[in-house]
Amino acid sequence: MKKIVLGREELHKGALILVNEKYGITWDTPGELAAIGSNIKKRQDSVLLERQANALLERLLSEIDGWDGILPVSGWRSRQEQQSIWDESMRDNGPEYTRTYVALPGHSEHQTGLAIDLALRQEHIDFICPEFPDTGICGYFKERAADYGFVLRYPAGKENITGIGHEPWHFRYVGIPHARIMTDQNMTLEEYTDYIRQFDSPVHPYCVRVDGRAVCISYIAADSEQTAVWVNETAPYNISGNNVDGFVLTQWLHVEQNVQCSQQERFQSI
């Protein structure tokens, strides 16, 4: 086993950070960003995403032949841009509309570089509320999104949990297998963050099978200054802060390895 020591600042980094009205962003510029569609003619130079999220979004759009029908509208935003959007919407649309569809500056997922607004490609596109239906190529995108690490971040019926109105155009990269678990169990990121806390030991994780491999997920509460996380160094792993109170360890193992789960019936294929 290998010991990883994480500083307090790592709590606010990673694909699983929760950003909402309660939990804001402690930094202004995320990690490395990439332009969506930089390798095709329909390049979107002004639309940026975190590099890993960008790579998987591009792969998804290519595999569903979605570039002609789907337009990336808004990705990473600076705090200043988010403030400008908030101010303009308050002026043009009023406070009720703005609080429903625009996150407070400093509390917007767009500032993480992990969120993307998409639109059905057409002549007129509303920047704040673009059309992205459940049918056609947009519906196909929604069906496949979780396989590439993306979730519909603000689903209908969950407004009281997310604090944001239903936004069928807003997708958030959380990674694999988390997107599939959240989608299959109809969880928002708020609900998933709470759910994973019960698996609070690497020896009693939440386990699923993905493409013939076991994925074990566990929660580690953050200490005041530094947090120690033990990982199996013979297998790939990822550690993400949750931006609240701890870290999520995701470890990929071979199915034949001895994997302990707190509830064996949770060890299922997704």
C-alpha atoms as a PDB file:
ATOM      1  CA  MET A   1       0.000   0.000   0.000  1.00  0.00           C
ATOM      2  CA  LYS A   2       1.117   3.521  -0.749  1.00  0.00           C
ATOM      3  CA  LYS A   3       0.481   6.550   1.451  1.00  0.00           C
ATOM      4  CA  ILE A   4      -0.641   9.753  -0.253  1.00  0.00           C
ATOM      5  CA  VAL A   5      -0.600  12.954   1.797  1.00  0.00           C
ATOM      6  CA  LEU A   6      -3.011  15.666   0.659  1.00  0.00           C
ATOM      7  CA  GLY A   7      -2.905  19.289   1.715  1.00  0.00           C
ATOM      8  CA  ARG A   8      -6.005  21.255   2.625  1.00  0.00           C
ATOM      9  CA  GLU A   9      -6.014  22.975  -0.766  1.00  0.00           C
ATOM     10  CA  GLU A  10      -6.556  19.619  -2.519  1.00  0.00           C
ATOM     11  CA  LEU A  11     -10.022  19.473  -0.957  1.00  0.00           C
ATOM     12  CA  HIS A  12     -11.125  22.002  -3.577  1.00  0.00           C
ATOM     13  CA  LYS A  13      -9.702  20.208  -6.629  1.00  0.00           C
ATOM     14  CA  GLY A  14     -10.881  17.310  -8.769  1.00  0.00           C
ATOM     15  CA  ALA A  15     -13.758  16.144 -10.953  1.00  0.00           C
ATOM     16  CA  LEU A  16     -16.094  15.545  -7.990  1.00  0.00           C
ATOM     17  CA  ILE A  17     -15.976  18.955  -6.346  1.00  0.00           C
ATOM     18  CA  LEU A  18     -19.435  20.176  -5.356  1.00  0.00           C
ATOM     19  CA  VAL A  19     -20.073  23.773  -6.362  1.00  0.00           C
ATOM     20  CA  ASN A  20     -23.419  25.349  -5.530  1.00  0.00           C
ATOM     21  CA  GLU A  21     -24.896  28.256  -3.598  1.00  0.00           C
ATOM     22  CA  LYS A  22     -23.463  26.909  -0.325  1.00  0.00           C
ATOM     23  CA  TYR A  23     -20.056  25.715  -1.489  1.00  0.00           C
ATOM     24  CA  GLY A  24     -18.135  28.204  -3.599  1.00  0.00           C
ATOM     25  CA  ILE A  25     -14.851  28.268  -5.472  1.00  0.00           C
ATOM     26  CA  THR A  26     -11.662  29.202  -3.677  1.00  0.00           C
ATOM     27  CA  TRP A  27      -9.664  29.895  -6.848  1.00  0.00           C
ATOM     28  CA  ASP A  28     -10.292  31.745 -10.105  1.00  0.00           C
ATOM     29  CA  THR A  29      -8.392  29.734 -12.721  1.00  0.00           C
ATOM     30  CA  PRO A  30      -8.752  25.931 -12.932  1.00  0.00           C
ATOM     31  CA  GLY A  31      -6.177  23.484 -14.253  1.00  0.00           C
ATOM     32  CA  GLU A  32      -5.172  23.204 -17.889  1.00  0.00           C
ATOM     33  CA  LEU A  33      -7.935  24.231 -20.289  1.00  0.00           C
ATOM     34  CA  ALA A  34      -8.479  23.207 -23.908  1.00  0.00           C
ATOM     35  CA  ALA A  35     -10.611  24.646 -26.704  1.00  0.00           C
ATOM     36  CA  ILE A  36     -13.524  22.456 -27.730  1.00  0.00           C
ATOM     37  CA  GLY A  37     -13.203  21.233 -31.305  1.00  0.00           C
ATOM     38  CA  SER A  38      -9.679  22.548 -31.764  1.00  0.00           C
ATOM     39  CA  ASN A  39      -8.943  19.753 -34.245  1.00  0.00           C
ATOM     40  CA  ILE A  40     -11.953  20.269 -36.536  1.00  0.00           C
ATOM     41  CA  LYS A  41     -13.228  22.982 -38.839  1.00  0.00           C
ATOM     42  CA  LYS A  42     -16.089  23.919 -36.496  1.00  0.00           C
ATOM     43  CA  ARG A  43     -13.620  25.036 -33.857  1.00  0.00           C
ATOM     44  CA  GLN A  44     -15.073  26.817 -30.813  1.00  0.00           C
ATOM     45  CA  ASP A  45     -12.101  28.960 -29.792  1.00  0.00           C
ATOM     46  CA  SER A  46     -14.014  30.834 -27.109  1.00  0.00           C
ATOM     47  CA  VAL A  47     -15.444  27.692 -25.470  1.00  0.00           C
ATOM     48  CA  LEU A  48     -12.955  26.081 -23.084  1.00  0.00           C
ATOM     49  CA  LEU A  49     -13.093  23.051 -20.806  1.00  0.00           C
ATOM     50  CA  GLU A  50     -10.699  21.318 -18.445  1.00  0.00           C
ATOM     51  CA  ARG A  51      -8.487  19.164 -20.645  1.00  0.00           C
ATOM     52  CA  GLN A  52      -9.743  15.705 -19.613  1.00  0.00           C
ATOM     53  CA  ALA A  53     -13.384  16.789 -19.758  1.00  0.00           C
ATOM     54  CA  ASN A  54     -12.754  18.353 -23.152  1.00  0.00           C
ATOM     55  CA  ALA A  55     -11.177  15.181 -24.528  1.00  0.00           C
ATOM     56  CA  LEU A  56     -14.131  13.037 -23.483  1.00  0.00           C
ATOM     57  CA  LEU A  57     -16.708  15.541 -24.724  1.00  0.00           C
ATOM     58  CA  GLU A  58     -15.007  15.644 -28.116  1.00  0.00           C
ATOM     59  CA  ARG A  59     -14.876  11.842 -28.214  1.00  0.00           C
ATOM     60  CA  LEU A  60     -18.581  11.607 -27.413  1.00  0.00           C
ATOM     61  CA  LEU A  61     -19.558  14.178 -30.045  1.00  0.00           C
ATOM     62  CA  SER A  62     -17.431  12.413 -32.635  1.00  0.00           C
ATOM     63  CA  GLU A  63     -18.783   8.954 -31.858  1.00  0.00           C
ATOM     64  CA  ILE A  64     -22.431  10.069 -32.095  1.00  0.00           C
ATOM     65  CA  ASP A  65     -21.672  12.264 -35.128  1.00  0.00           C
ATOM     66  CA  GLY A  66     -22.921  15.236 -33.157  1.00  0.00           C
ATOM     67  CA  TRP A  67     -20.753  18.126 -34.351  1.00  0.00           C
ATOM     68  CA  ASP A  68     -23.232  19.206 -37.044  1.00  0.00           C
ATOM     69  CA  GLY A  69     -26.236  19.164 -34.715  1.00  0.00           C
ATOM     70  CA  ILE A  70     -24.847  20.242 -31.337  1.00  0.00           C
ATOM     71  CA  LEU A  71     -23.180  23.553 -30.556  1.00  0.00           C
ATOM     72  CA  PRO A  72     -21.064  24.169 -27.432  1.00  0.00           C
ATOM     73  CA  VAL A  73     -22.366  27.463 -26.035  1.00  0.00           C
ATOM     74  CA  SER A  74     -20.510  28.114 -22.785  1.00  0.00           C
ATOM     75  CA  GLY A  75     -17.730  26.306 -20.959  1.00  0.00           C
ATOM     76  CA  TRP A  76     -15.204  27.783 -18.565  1.00  0.00           C
ATOM     77  CA  ARG A  77     -15.945  31.303 -17.330  1.00  0.00           C
ATOM     78  CA  SER A  78     -13.835  33.585 -15.207  1.00  0.00           C
ATOM     79  CA  ARG A  79     -15.383  35.100 -12.112  1.00  0.00           C
ATOM     80  CA  GLN A  80     -15.510  38.424 -13.931  1.00  0.00           C
ATOM     81  CA  GLU A  81     -17.467  36.903 -16.833  1.00  0.00           C
ATOM     82  CA  GLN A  82     -19.875  35.205 -14.427  1.00  0.00           C
ATOM     83  CA  GLN A  83     -20.392  38.513 -12.643  1.00  0.00           C
ATOM     84  CA  SER A  84     -21.132  40.222 -15.952  1.00  0.00           C
ATOM     85  CA  ILE A  85     -23.675  37.533 -16.917  1.00  0.00           C
ATOM     86  CA  TRP A  86     -25.330  37.835 -13.488  1.00  0.00           C
ATOM     87  CA  ASP A  87     -25.522  41.625 -13.693  1.00  0.00           C
ATOM     88  CA  GLU A  88     -26.885  41.653 -17.241  1.00  0.00           C
ATOM     89  CA  SER A  89     -29.512  39.026 -16.441  1.00  0.00           C
ATOM     90  CA  MET A  90     -30.601  40.893 -13.313  1.00  0.00           C
ATOM     91  CA  ARG A  91     -31.031  44.014 -15.458  1.00  0.00           C
ATOM     92  CA  ASP A  92     -32.722  42.346 -18.432  1.00  0.00           C
ATOM     93  CA  ASN A  93     -34.634  39.439 -16.862  1.00  0.00           C
ATOM     94  CA  GLY A  94     -35.111  40.360 -13.229  1.00  0.00           C
ATOM     95  CA  PRO A  95     -34.096  38.641  -9.967  1.00  0.00           C
ATOM     96  CA  GLU A  96     -36.466  35.640 -10.084  1.00  0.00           C
ATOM     97  CA  TYR A  97     -35.336  34.478 -13.524  1.00  0.00           C
ATOM     98  CA  THR A  98     -31.674  35.191 -12.750  1.00  0.00           C
ATOM     99  CA  ARG A  99     -31.632  33.263  -9.463  1.00  0.00           C
ATOM    100  CA  THR A 100     -33.315  30.332 -11.219  1.00  0.00           C
ATOM    101  CA  TYR A 101     -30.909  30.012 -14.145  1.00  0.00           C
ATOM    102  CA  VAL A 102     -27.718  31.910 -13.261  1.00  0.00           C
ATOM    103  CA  ALA A 103     -25.378  30.890 -10.451  1.00  0.00           C
ATOM    104  CA  LEU A 104     -23.908  33.482  -8.140  1.00  0.00           C
ATOM    105  CA  PRO A 105     -20.413  34.639  -9.098  1.00  0.00           C
ATOM    106  CA  GLY A 106     -17.966  32.507  -7.144  1.00  0.00           C
ATOM    107  CA  HIS A 107     -20.529  29.695  -6.981  1.00  0.00           C
ATOM    108  CA  SER A 108     -20.832  28.777 -10.657  1.00  0.00           C
ATOM    109  CA  GLU A 109     -19.804  25.375 -11.992  1.00  0.00           C
ATOM    110  CA  HIS A 110     -18.620  27.134 -15.138  1.00  0.00           C
ATOM    111  CA  GLN A 111     -15.751  28.597 -13.139  1.00  0.00           C
ATOM    112  CA  THR A 112     -14.412  25.062 -12.550  1.00  0.00           C
ATOM    113  CA  GLY A 113     -13.916  24.303 -16.235  1.00  0.00           C
ATOM    114  CA  LEU A 114     -15.925  21.090 -15.718  1.00  0.00           C
ATOM    115  CA  ALA A 115     -19.327  22.331 -16.940  1.00  0.00           C
ATOM    116  CA  ILE A 116     -20.614  22.820 -20.464  1.00  0.00           C
ATOM    117  CA  ASP A 117     -23.812  24.339 -21.850  1.00  0.00           C
ATOM    118  CA  LEU A 118     -24.884  22.809 -25.159  1.00  0.00           C
ATOM    119  CA  ALA A 119     -27.456  23.854 -27.733  1.00  0.00           C
ATOM    120  CA  LEU A 120     -29.252  22.404 -30.685  1.00  0.00           C
ATOM    121  CA  ARG A 121     -27.426  24.013 -33.606  1.00  0.00           C
ATOM    122  CA  GLN A 122     -29.832  26.530 -35.170  1.00  0.00           C
ATOM    123  CA  GLU A 123     -29.979  30.152 -36.279  1.00  0.00           C
ATOM    124  CA  HIS A 124     -31.026  31.699 -32.949  1.00  0.00           C
ATOM    125  CA  ILE A 125     -29.545  30.448 -29.670  1.00  0.00           C
ATOM    126  CA  ASP A 126     -30.397  31.799 -26.232  1.00  0.00           C
ATOM    127  CA  PHE A 127     -27.101  32.082 -24.317  1.00  0.00           C
ATOM    128  CA  ILE A 128     -28.633  31.563 -20.853  1.00  0.00           C
ATOM    129  CA  CYS A 129     -31.339  29.010 -21.733  1.00  0.00           C
ATOM    130  CA  PRO A 130     -30.362  27.333 -25.016  1.00  0.00           C
ATOM    131  CA  GLU A 131     -32.682  24.768 -26.570  1.00  0.00           C
ATOM    132  CA  PHE A 132     -31.477  21.198 -26.021  1.00  0.00           C
ATOM    133  CA  PRO A 133     -34.412  18.776 -26.443  1.00  0.00           C
ATOM    134  CA  ASP A 134     -34.742  15.139 -25.398  1.00  0.00           C
ATOM    135  CA  THR A 135     -35.164  14.059 -29.019  1.00  0.00           C
ATOM    136  CA  GLY A 136     -32.893  13.673 -32.035  1.00  0.00           C
ATOM    137  CA  ILE A 137     -29.161  14.142 -31.695  1.00  0.00           C
ATOM    138  CA  CYS A 138     -29.578  16.015 -28.389  1.00  0.00           C
ATOM    139  CA  GLY A 139     -31.542  13.117 -26.939  1.00  0.00           C
ATOM    140  CA  TYR A 140     -28.881  10.693 -28.147  1.00  0.00           C
ATOM    141  CA  PHE A 141     -26.207  12.804 -26.462  1.00  0.00           C
ATOM    142  CA  LYS A 142     -28.122  12.598 -23.183  1.00  0.00           C
ATOM    143  CA  GLU A 143     -28.402   8.815 -23.481  1.00  0.00           C
ATOM    144  CA  ARG A 144     -24.637   8.417 -23.942  1.00  0.00           C
ATOM    145  CA  ALA A 145     -23.326  11.219 -21.722  1.00  0.00           C
ATOM    146  CA  ALA A 146     -22.794   9.111 -18.578  1.00  0.00           C
ATOM    147  CA  ASP A 147     -20.604   6.637 -20.487  1.00  0.00           C
ATOM    148  CA  TYR A 148     -18.175   9.503 -21.051  1.00  0.00           C
ATOM    149  CA  GLY A 149     -18.275  10.905 -17.522  1.00  0.00           C
ATOM    150  CA  PHE A 150     -20.953  13.596 -17.924  1.00  0.00           C
ATOM    151  CA  VAL A 151     -24.214  14.070 -16.014  1.00  0.00           C
ATOM    152  CA  LEU A 152     -27.200  16.326 -16.505  1.00  0.00           C
ATOM    153  CA  ARG A 153     -26.404  18.559 -13.561  1.00  0.00           C
ATOM    154  CA  TYR A 154     -29.781  20.242 -12.966  1.00  0.00           C
ATOM    155  CA  PRO A 155     -32.567  17.718 -13.668  1.00  0.00           C
ATOM    156  CA  ALA A 156     -36.278  18.406 -13.338  1.00  0.00           C
ATOM    157  CA  GLY A 157     -37.743  17.645  -9.931  1.00  0.00           C
ATOM    158  CA  LYS A 158     -34.458  18.282  -8.094  1.00  0.00           C
ATOM    159  CA  GLU A 159     -34.605  22.070  -7.952  1.00  0.00           C
ATOM    160  CA  ASN A 160     -34.974  22.106  -4.172  1.00  0.00           C
ATOM    161  CA  ILE A 161     -31.715  20.124  -3.904  1.00  0.00           C
ATOM    162  CA  THR A 162     -29.556  21.872  -6.507  1.00  0.00           C
ATOM    163  CA  GLY A 163     -30.925  25.370  -5.967  1.00  0.00           C
ATOM    164  CA  ILE A 164     -31.041  25.847  -9.757  1.00  0.00           C
ATOM    165  CA  GLY A 165     -33.970  25.448 -12.151  1.00  0.00           C
ATOM    166  CA  HIS A 166     -34.156  22.549 -14.597  1.00  0.00           C
ATOM    167  CA  GLU A 167     -31.437  23.065 -17.203  1.00  0.00           C
ATOM    168  CA  PRO A 168     -31.561  20.358 -19.896  1.00  0.00           C
ATOM    169  CA  TRP A 169     -28.578  21.997 -21.607  1.00  0.00           C
ATOM    170  CA  HIS A 170     -26.116  22.029 -18.687  1.00  0.00           C
ATOM    171  CA  PHE A 171     -23.782  19.045 -18.310  1.00  0.00           C
ATOM    172  CA  ARG A 172     -21.085  18.474 -15.731  1.00  0.00           C
ATOM    173  CA  TYR A 173     -18.042  16.248 -15.997  1.00  0.00           C
ATOM    174  CA  VAL A 174     -17.668  14.049 -12.892  1.00  0.00           C
ATOM    175  CA  GLY A 175     -15.763  11.156 -14.445  1.00  0.00           C
ATOM    176  CA  ILE A 176     -16.274   7.428 -14.827  1.00  0.00           C
ATOM    177  CA  PRO A 177     -17.859   5.473 -13.122  1.00  0.00           C
ATOM    178  CA  HIS A 178     -19.408   8.278 -11.042  1.00  0.00           C
ATOM    179  CA  ALA A 179     -21.517   9.623 -13.913  1.00  0.00           C
ATOM    180  CA  ARG A 180     -23.035   6.201 -14.564  1.00  0.00           C
ATOM    181  CA  ILE A 181     -23.814   5.614 -10.871  1.00  0.00           C
ATOM    182  CA  MET A 182     -25.403   9.053 -10.531  1.00  0.00           C
ATOM    183  CA  THR A 183     -27.466   8.593 -13.689  1.00  0.00           C
ATOM    184  CA  ASP A 184     -28.594   5.049 -12.890  1.00  0.00           C
ATOM    185  CA  GLN A 185     -29.622   6.027  -9.363  1.00  0.00           C
ATOM    186  CA  ASN A 186     -31.089   9.416 -10.338  1.00  0.00           C
ATOM    187  CA  MET A 187     -28.733  11.321  -8.042  1.00  0.00           C
ATOM    188  CA  THR A 188     -27.626  14.908  -8.236  1.00  0.00           C
ATOM    189  CA  LEU A 189     -24.057  15.726  -7.270  1.00  0.00           C
ATOM    190  CA  GLU A 190     -25.363  16.970  -3.912  1.00  0.00           C
ATOM    191  CA  GLU A 191     -27.007  13.591  -3.279  1.00  0.00           C
ATOM    192  CA  TYR A 192     -24.007  11.623  -4.516  1.00  0.00           C
ATOM    193  CA  THR A 193     -21.643  13.583  -2.282  1.00  0.00           C
ATOM    194  CA  ASP A 194     -23.783  12.650   0.725  1.00  0.00           C
ATOM    195  CA  TYR A 195     -24.226   9.043  -0.437  1.00  0.00           C
ATOM    196  CA  ILE A 196     -20.515   8.265  -0.800  1.00  0.00           C
ATOM    197  CA  ARG A 197     -19.796   9.342   2.786  1.00  0.00           C
ATOM    198  CA  GLN A 198     -21.137   6.029   4.112  1.00  0.00           C
ATOM    199  CA  PHE A 199     -18.260   4.201   2.396  1.00  0.00           C
ATOM    200  CA  ASP A 200     -15.710   5.747   4.704  1.00  0.00           C
ATOM    201  CA  SER A 201     -12.922   3.190   4.528  1.00  0.00           C
ATOM    202  CA  PRO A 202     -10.818   1.919   1.591  1.00  0.00           C
ATOM    203  CA  VAL A 203     -11.368  -1.649   2.898  1.00  0.00           C
ATOM    204  CA  HIS A 204     -15.164  -1.229   2.807  1.00  0.00           C
ATOM    205  CA  PRO A 205     -15.793   0.688  -0.413  1.00  0.00           C
ATOM    206  CA  TYR A 206     -18.662   0.991  -2.834  1.00  0.00           C
ATOM    207  CA  CYS A 207     -17.832  -1.448  -5.641  1.00  0.00           C
ATOM    208  CA  VAL A 208     -19.028  -1.790  -9.227  1.00  0.00           C
ATOM    209  CA  ARG A 209     -17.773  -3.565 -12.341  1.00  0.00           C
ATOM    210  CA  VAL A 210     -16.955  -1.480 -15.391  1.00  0.00           C
ATOM    211  CA  ASP A 211     -15.749  -3.150 -18.588  1.00  0.00           C
ATOM    212  CA  GLY A 212     -14.575  -6.253 -16.754  1.00  0.00           C
ATOM    213  CA  ARG A 213     -12.770  -4.423 -13.974  1.00  0.00           C
ATOM    214  CA  ALA A 214     -13.725  -3.708 -10.426  1.00  0.00           C
ATOM    215  CA  VAL A 215     -13.952  -0.078  -9.397  1.00  0.00           C
ATOM    216  CA  CYS A 216     -13.909   0.626  -5.685  1.00  0.00           C
ATOM    217  CA  ILE A 217     -14.963   4.027  -4.364  1.00  0.00           C
ATOM    218  CA  SER A 218     -14.445   5.267  -0.827  1.00  0.00           C
ATOM    219  CA  TYR A 219     -14.671   8.482   1.158  1.00  0.00           C
ATOM    220  CA  ILE A 220     -11.883   9.878   3.337  1.00  0.00           C
ATOM    221  CA  ALA A 221     -12.725  12.686   5.732  1.00  0.00           C
ATOM    222  CA  ALA A 222     -10.347  15.633   5.508  1.00  0.00           C
ATOM    223  CA  ASP A 223      -8.149  16.452   8.473  1.00  0.00           C
ATOM    224  CA  SER A 224      -7.516  20.039   9.471  1.00  0.00           C
ATOM    225  CA  GLU A 225      -4.196  20.446   7.637  1.00  0.00           C
ATOM    226  CA  GLN A 226      -3.111  17.220   5.932  1.00  0.00           C
ATOM    227  CA  THR A 227      -5.015  14.045   5.066  1.00  0.00           C
ATOM    228  CA  ALA A 228      -3.416  10.619   4.570  1.00  0.00           C
ATOM    229  CA  VAL A 229      -4.935   8.362   1.898  1.00  0.00           C
ATOM    230  CA  TRP A 230      -3.747   4.770   1.427  1.00  0.00           C
ATOM    231  CA  VAL A 231      -3.958   3.329  -2.082  1.00  0.00           C
ATOM    232  CA  ASN A 232      -3.082   0.059  -3.783  1.00  0.00           C
ATOM    233  CA  GLU A 233      -0.159   1.261  -5.839  1.00  0.00           C
ATOM    234  CA  THR A 234      -0.400  -1.725  -8.218  1.00  0.00           C
ATOM    235  CA  ALA A 235      -3.707  -0.435  -9.620  1.00  0.00           C
ATOM    236  CA  PRO A 236      -4.734   2.884 -11.219  1.00  0.00           C
ATOM    237  CA  TYR A 237      -6.422   5.322  -8.872  1.00  0.00           C
ATOM    238  CA  ASN A 238      -7.854   8.809  -8.748  1.00  0.00           C
ATOM    239  CA  ILE A 239      -8.414  11.098  -5.773  1.00  0.00           C
ATOM    240  CA  SER A 240     -10.783  14.046  -5.916  1.00  0.00           C
ATOM    241  CA  GLY A 241     -11.725  16.531  -3.259  1.00  0.00           C
ATOM    242  CA  ASN A 242     -15.442  17.096  -2.774  1.00  0.00           C
ATOM    243  CA  ASN A 243     -15.089  20.811  -1.932  1.00  0.00           C
ATOM    244  CA  VAL A 244     -16.986  20.177   1.309  1.00  0.00           C
ATOM    245  CA  ASP A 245     -15.329  17.954   3.887  1.00  0.00           C
ATOM    246  CA  GLY A 246     -13.304  15.166   2.340  1.00  0.00           C
ATOM    247  CA  PHE A 247     -11.916  13.194  -0.572  1.00  0.00           C
ATOM    248  CA  VAL A 248     -13.227  10.483  -2.877  1.00  0.00           C
ATOM    249  CA  LEU A 249     -10.801   7.683  -3.738  1.00  0.00           C
ATOM    250  CA  THR A 250     -11.573   5.760  -6.921  1.00  0.00           C
ATOM    251  CA  GLN A 251      -9.439   2.656  -7.506  1.00  0.00           C
ATOM    252  CA  TRP A 252      -9.565   0.367 -10.558  1.00  0.00           C
ATOM    253  CA  LEU A 253      -8.794  -3.285  -9.817  1.00  0.00           C
ATOM    254  CA  HIS A 254      -8.898  -6.536 -11.757  1.00  0.00           C
ATOM    255  CA  VAL A 255     -12.126  -8.413 -11.004  1.00  0.00           C
ATOM    256  CA  GLU A 256     -10.175 -11.478  -9.922  1.00  0.00           C
ATOM    257  CA  GLN A 257      -8.498  -9.511  -7.141  1.00  0.00           C
ATOM    258  CA  ASN A 258      -9.893  -9.934  -3.648  1.00  0.00           C
ATOM    259  CA  VAL A 259     -12.225  -6.968  -3.241  1.00  0.00           C
ATOM    260  CA  GLN A 260     -14.080  -6.398   0.023  1.00  0.00           C
ATOM    261  CA  CYS A 261     -17.328  -4.460  -0.072  1.00  0.00           C
ATOM    262  CA  SER A 262     -19.473  -3.324   2.801  1.00  0.00           C
ATOM    263  CA  GLN A 263     -22.506  -4.690   0.940  1.00  0.00           C
ATOM    264  CA  GLN A 264     -21.703  -7.354  -1.628  1.00  0.00           C
ATOM    265  CA  GLU A 265     -24.959  -6.834  -3.495  1.00  0.00           C
ATOM    266  CA  ARG A 266     -23.630  -3.391  -4.448  1.00  0.00           C
ATOM    267  CA  PHE A 267     -20.897  -5.107  -6.480  1.00  0.00           C
ATOM    268  CA  GLN A 268     -22.693  -4.910  -9.807  1.00  0.00           C
ATOM    269  CA  SER A 269     -21.986  -4.182 -13.433  1.00  0.00           C
ATOM    270  CA  ILE A 270     -22.755  -0.737 -14.811  1.00  0.00           C
END
